[in-house]
Protein backbone atom coordinates (compact mmCIF):
# COMPACT_ATOMS: atom_id res chain seq x y z
CA MET A 1 0.01 0.06 0.33
CA SER A 2 3.03 2.26 -0.27
CA LYS A 3 3.65 1.95 -3.93
CA PRO A 4 1.40 4.03 -5.93
CA ALA A 5 1.88 2.16 -9.35
CA GLU A 6 0.92 -1.04 -7.49
CA ILE A 7 -2.14 0.50 -5.88
CA ALA A 8 -3.20 1.74 -9.39
CA ASP A 9 -2.60 -1.89 -10.56
CA MET A 10 -4.54 -3.02 -7.85
CA ILE A 11 -7.86 -1.08 -8.87
CA LYS A 12 -7.32 -2.00 -12.46
CA THR A 13 -7.23 -5.74 -11.81
CA ALA A 14 -10.50 -5.22 -9.40
CA GLU A 15 -12.15 -3.47 -12.39
CA ARG A 16 -11.10 -6.15 -14.89
CA THR A 17 -12.20 -9.06 -12.69
CA LEU A 18 -15.28 -7.70 -11.07
CA GLY A 19 -16.47 -5.25 -13.73
CA SER A 20 -16.40 -2.16 -11.60
CA VAL A 21 -15.21 -0.68 -7.93
CA ASP A 22 -18.59 0.66 -6.79
CA VAL A 23 -17.49 0.52 -3.10
CA LEU A 24 -14.00 1.77 -2.12
CA VAL A 25 -13.21 1.31 1.71
CA ASN A 26 -9.77 2.48 2.58
CA ASN A 27 -8.53 0.78 5.78
CA ALA A 28 -5.10 0.15 5.70
CA GLY A 29 -3.15 1.28 8.65
CA ILE A 30 0.13 1.10 10.39
CA GLN A 31 1.00 2.69 13.82
CA PHE A 32 4.48 3.81 15.77
CA VAL A 33 4.66 5.31 18.98
CA SER A 34 7.69 7.57 20.24
CA PRO A 35 8.61 10.96 21.55
CA ILE A 36 8.63 13.45 18.52
CA GLU A 37 12.49 13.90 18.97
CA ASP A 38 13.10 10.16 18.47
CA PHE A 39 10.61 9.50 16.07
CA PRO A 40 12.37 7.79 13.11
CA ILE A 41 11.89 9.49 9.94
CA GLU A 42 11.41 6.21 8.09
CA LYS A 43 8.73 5.45 10.65
CA TRP A 44 7.15 8.58 9.72
CA ASP A 45 7.24 8.52 5.98
CA ALA A 46 5.73 4.73 6.33
CA ILE A 47 2.69 6.00 8.18
CA ILE A 48 2.27 8.81 6.06
CA ALA A 49 2.36 6.61 3.03
CA ILE A 50 -0.01 3.87 4.17
CA ASN A 51 -2.22 5.87 6.51
CA LEU A 52 -2.92 8.72 4.03
CA SER A 53 -1.35 8.69 0.71
CA SER A 54 -2.58 5.01 -0.15
CA ALA A 55 -6.04 6.56 0.18
CA PHE A 56 -5.05 9.25 -2.29
CA HIS A 57 -3.84 6.81 -4.69
CA THR A 58 -6.81 4.19 -4.36
CA ILE A 59 -9.35 7.14 -4.62
CA ARG A 60 -7.72 8.68 -7.87
CA ALA A 61 -7.71 5.18 -9.58
CA ALA A 62 -11.23 4.34 -8.92
CA VAL A 63 -12.94 7.80 -9.13
CA PRO A 64 -12.96 7.57 -12.91
CA GLY A 65 -14.93 4.73 -13.15
CA MET A 66 -17.34 5.95 -10.46
CA LYS A 67 -18.00 9.23 -12.17
CA ALA A 68 -18.76 7.18 -15.37
CA ARG A 69 -21.26 5.34 -13.74
CA LYS A 70 -22.74 8.18 -11.75
CA TRP A 71 -22.56 5.92 -8.60
CA GLY A 72 -19.98 5.15 -5.86
CA ARG A 73 -19.07 4.96 -2.18
CA ILE A 74 -15.72 5.90 -0.69
CA VAL A 75 -15.31 5.06 3.07
CA ASN A 76 -12.08 5.95 4.65
CA THR A 77 -11.31 4.62 7.94
CA ALA A 78 -9.82 7.51 9.88
CA SER A 79 -9.66 7.60 13.83
CA ALA A 80 -10.71 9.40 16.81
CA HIS A 81 -7.02 10.76 16.16
CA SER A 82 -8.61 12.44 13.04
CA LEU A 83 -10.17 14.86 15.52
CA VAL A 84 -7.90 14.86 18.35
CA ALA A 85 -4.56 14.19 19.32
CA SER A 86 -2.43 11.83 21.80
CA PRO A 87 1.13 12.22 22.66
CA PHE A 88 3.80 10.04 21.17
CA LYS A 89 1.68 9.60 17.82
CA SER A 90 2.75 12.48 15.88
CA ALA A 91 2.82 10.89 12.48
CA TYR A 92 -0.65 8.68 12.81
CA VAL A 93 -2.32 11.86 13.94
CA ALA A 94 -0.75 13.71 11.40
CA ALA A 95 -2.16 11.25 8.53
CA LYS A 96 -5.58 10.68 10.12
CA HIS A 97 -6.40 14.60 10.25
CA GLY A 98 -4.91 14.51 6.57
CA LEU A 99 -7.39 11.55 5.85
CA ALA A 100 -10.12 13.56 7.12
CA GLY A 101 -9.52 16.54 4.74
CA LEU A 102 -8.84 14.42 1.85
CA THR A 103 -12.21 12.91 2.41
CA LYS A 104 -13.97 16.41 2.56
CA ALA A 105 -12.05 17.65 -0.69
CA VAL A 106 -13.03 14.49 -2.45
CA ALA A 107 -17.13 14.76 -1.22
CA LEU A 108 -16.97 18.24 -2.71
CA GLU A 109 -15.53 17.15 -6.27
CA LEU A 110 -18.00 14.33 -6.51
CA ALA A 111 -21.13 15.97 -5.14
CA THR A 112 -22.91 16.30 -8.42
CA PHE A 113 -21.75 12.52 -9.68
CA GLY A 114 -23.65 10.29 -7.17
CA VAL A 115 -20.54 9.64 -5.50
CA THR A 116 -20.29 10.15 -1.74
CA ALA A 117 -16.94 9.98 0.32
CA ASN A 118 -17.01 9.89 3.96
CA CYS A 119 -14.84 8.92 7.12
CA ILE A 120 -15.33 6.38 9.93
CA SER A 121 -13.66 7.69 13.19
CA PRO A 122 -13.36 4.82 15.49
CA GLY A 123 -12.04 5.02 19.13
CA TYR A 124 -10.02 2.20 20.02
CA VAL A 125 -10.98 -0.96 18.53
CA TRP A 126 -9.44 -3.98 19.57
CA THR A 127 -7.53 -5.01 16.61
CA PRO A 128 -3.89 -6.51 15.85
CA LEU A 129 -2.95 -2.62 15.10
CA VAL A 130 -3.91 -1.65 18.79
CA GLU A 131 -2.63 -4.81 20.32
CA LYS A 132 0.93 -4.01 18.65
CA GLN A 133 1.33 -0.62 20.04
CA ILE A 134 0.77 -1.76 23.53
CA PRO A 135 4.76 -2.89 24.07
CA ASP A 136 5.87 0.68 22.64
CA THR A 137 3.37 2.69 24.93
CA MET A 138 4.43 0.73 28.01
CA LYS A 139 8.01 1.77 27.12
CA ALA A 140 7.27 5.29 25.96
CA ARG A 141 5.33 5.86 29.61
CA ASN A 142 6.91 3.37 31.71
CA MET A 143 3.45 1.28 32.50
CA THR A 144 2.21 -2.40 32.51
CA GLU A 145 -0.01 -3.69 29.92
CA GLU A 146 -3.19 -3.17 32.18
CA GLN A 147 -2.28 0.32 32.53
CA VAL A 148 -1.68 1.05 29.16
CA LYS A 149 -5.17 -0.71 28.38
CA GLN A 150 -7.30 1.28 31.35
CA GLU A 151 -5.08 4.51 31.70
CA VAL A 152 -4.10 5.15 28.17
CA LEU A 153 -6.67 3.49 25.58
CA LEU A 154 -9.89 3.16 27.36
CA ALA A 155 -9.27 6.20 29.51
CA ALA A 156 -10.20 8.48 26.43
CA GLN A 157 -13.18 6.45 25.89
CA PRO A 158 -16.42 7.35 28.21
CA THR A 159 -17.72 3.84 27.85
CA LYS A 160 -14.95 1.94 29.00
CA GLN A 161 -15.13 -0.70 26.43
CA PHE A 162 -13.28 -1.10 23.02
CA VAL A 163 -15.44 -0.33 19.74
CA THR A 164 -16.04 -3.77 18.19
CA VAL A 165 -15.07 -4.88 14.36
CA ASP A 166 -18.67 -5.69 13.81
CA GLN A 167 -19.65 -1.99 14.91
CA VAL A 168 -17.35 -0.53 12.72
CA ALA A 169 -18.40 -2.64 9.83
CA ALA A 170 -21.98 -2.11 10.07
CA LEU A 171 -21.53 1.84 9.82
CA ALA A 172 -19.61 1.12 6.61
CA VAL A 173 -22.61 -0.83 5.28
CA PHE A 174 -24.82 1.95 6.01
CA LEU A 175 -22.43 4.49 4.56
CA CYS A 176 -22.81 2.51 1.16
CA SER A 177 -26.47 2.05 1.21
CA ASP A 178 -29.12 4.40 -0.69
CA ALA A 179 -30.24 5.44 2.78
CA ALA A 180 -26.91 7.21 3.05
CA SER A 181 -27.04 8.98 -0.22
CA GLN A 182 -27.01 12.60 1.23
CA ILE A 183 -24.08 11.94 3.72
CA THR A 184 -20.97 13.08 1.98
CA GLY A 185 -18.29 14.89 3.32
CA SER A 186 -18.70 13.63 6.98
CA ASN A 187 -16.35 12.31 9.73
CA ILE A 188 -18.69 10.12 11.97
CA SER A 189 -17.01 9.12 15.41
CA ILE A 190 -18.00 5.77 16.68
CA ASP A 191 -15.49 6.08 19.80
CA GLY A 192 -17.78 5.67 23.04
CA GLY A 193 -17.77 9.25 23.37
CA TRP A 194 -13.93 10.12 23.23
CA THR A 195 -14.44 12.94 20.93
CA ALA A 196 -17.58 14.32 22.84
CA ALA A 197 -15.37 16.04 25.57
């Protein structure tokens, strides 16, 4: 997902195999946790490439077909970090804020073509991405695993529960339905109340 030519080829292959790409869900993501002064440049570049630039490249490749068919749905998986920041996550926060802005720009460009573009911004969902960042957060904050879960991850979510993959998927399905045809350019939070504060 960091190679523009391969991304374009992936979309062409999908169109050739399936006939069209009517729904595009950008869900690729990586994370790295570090104080800004120690943040490795190569990690910054990789996070921006996969969490932000890959969405630009897939959208760019899929939009001509959507415009021609006068229908399409683009759903970008952002994050609560597209709306608020957390320490030690500079690249991730920057990428997710950028993804929210990209979504708005695309929504405006495609508004008269029957194509919608929206963001889903989950709080902490128990996924391999979240699980993998626990050791780095433990190190950066000098905490135990349980402290990271309760005092860092779930501390921000008033419900004190992880969002489920099924909840995020159900929201994506809704955004792809005709019932959501007038929802475009939105950044919809599904974060247990995190960004309500």
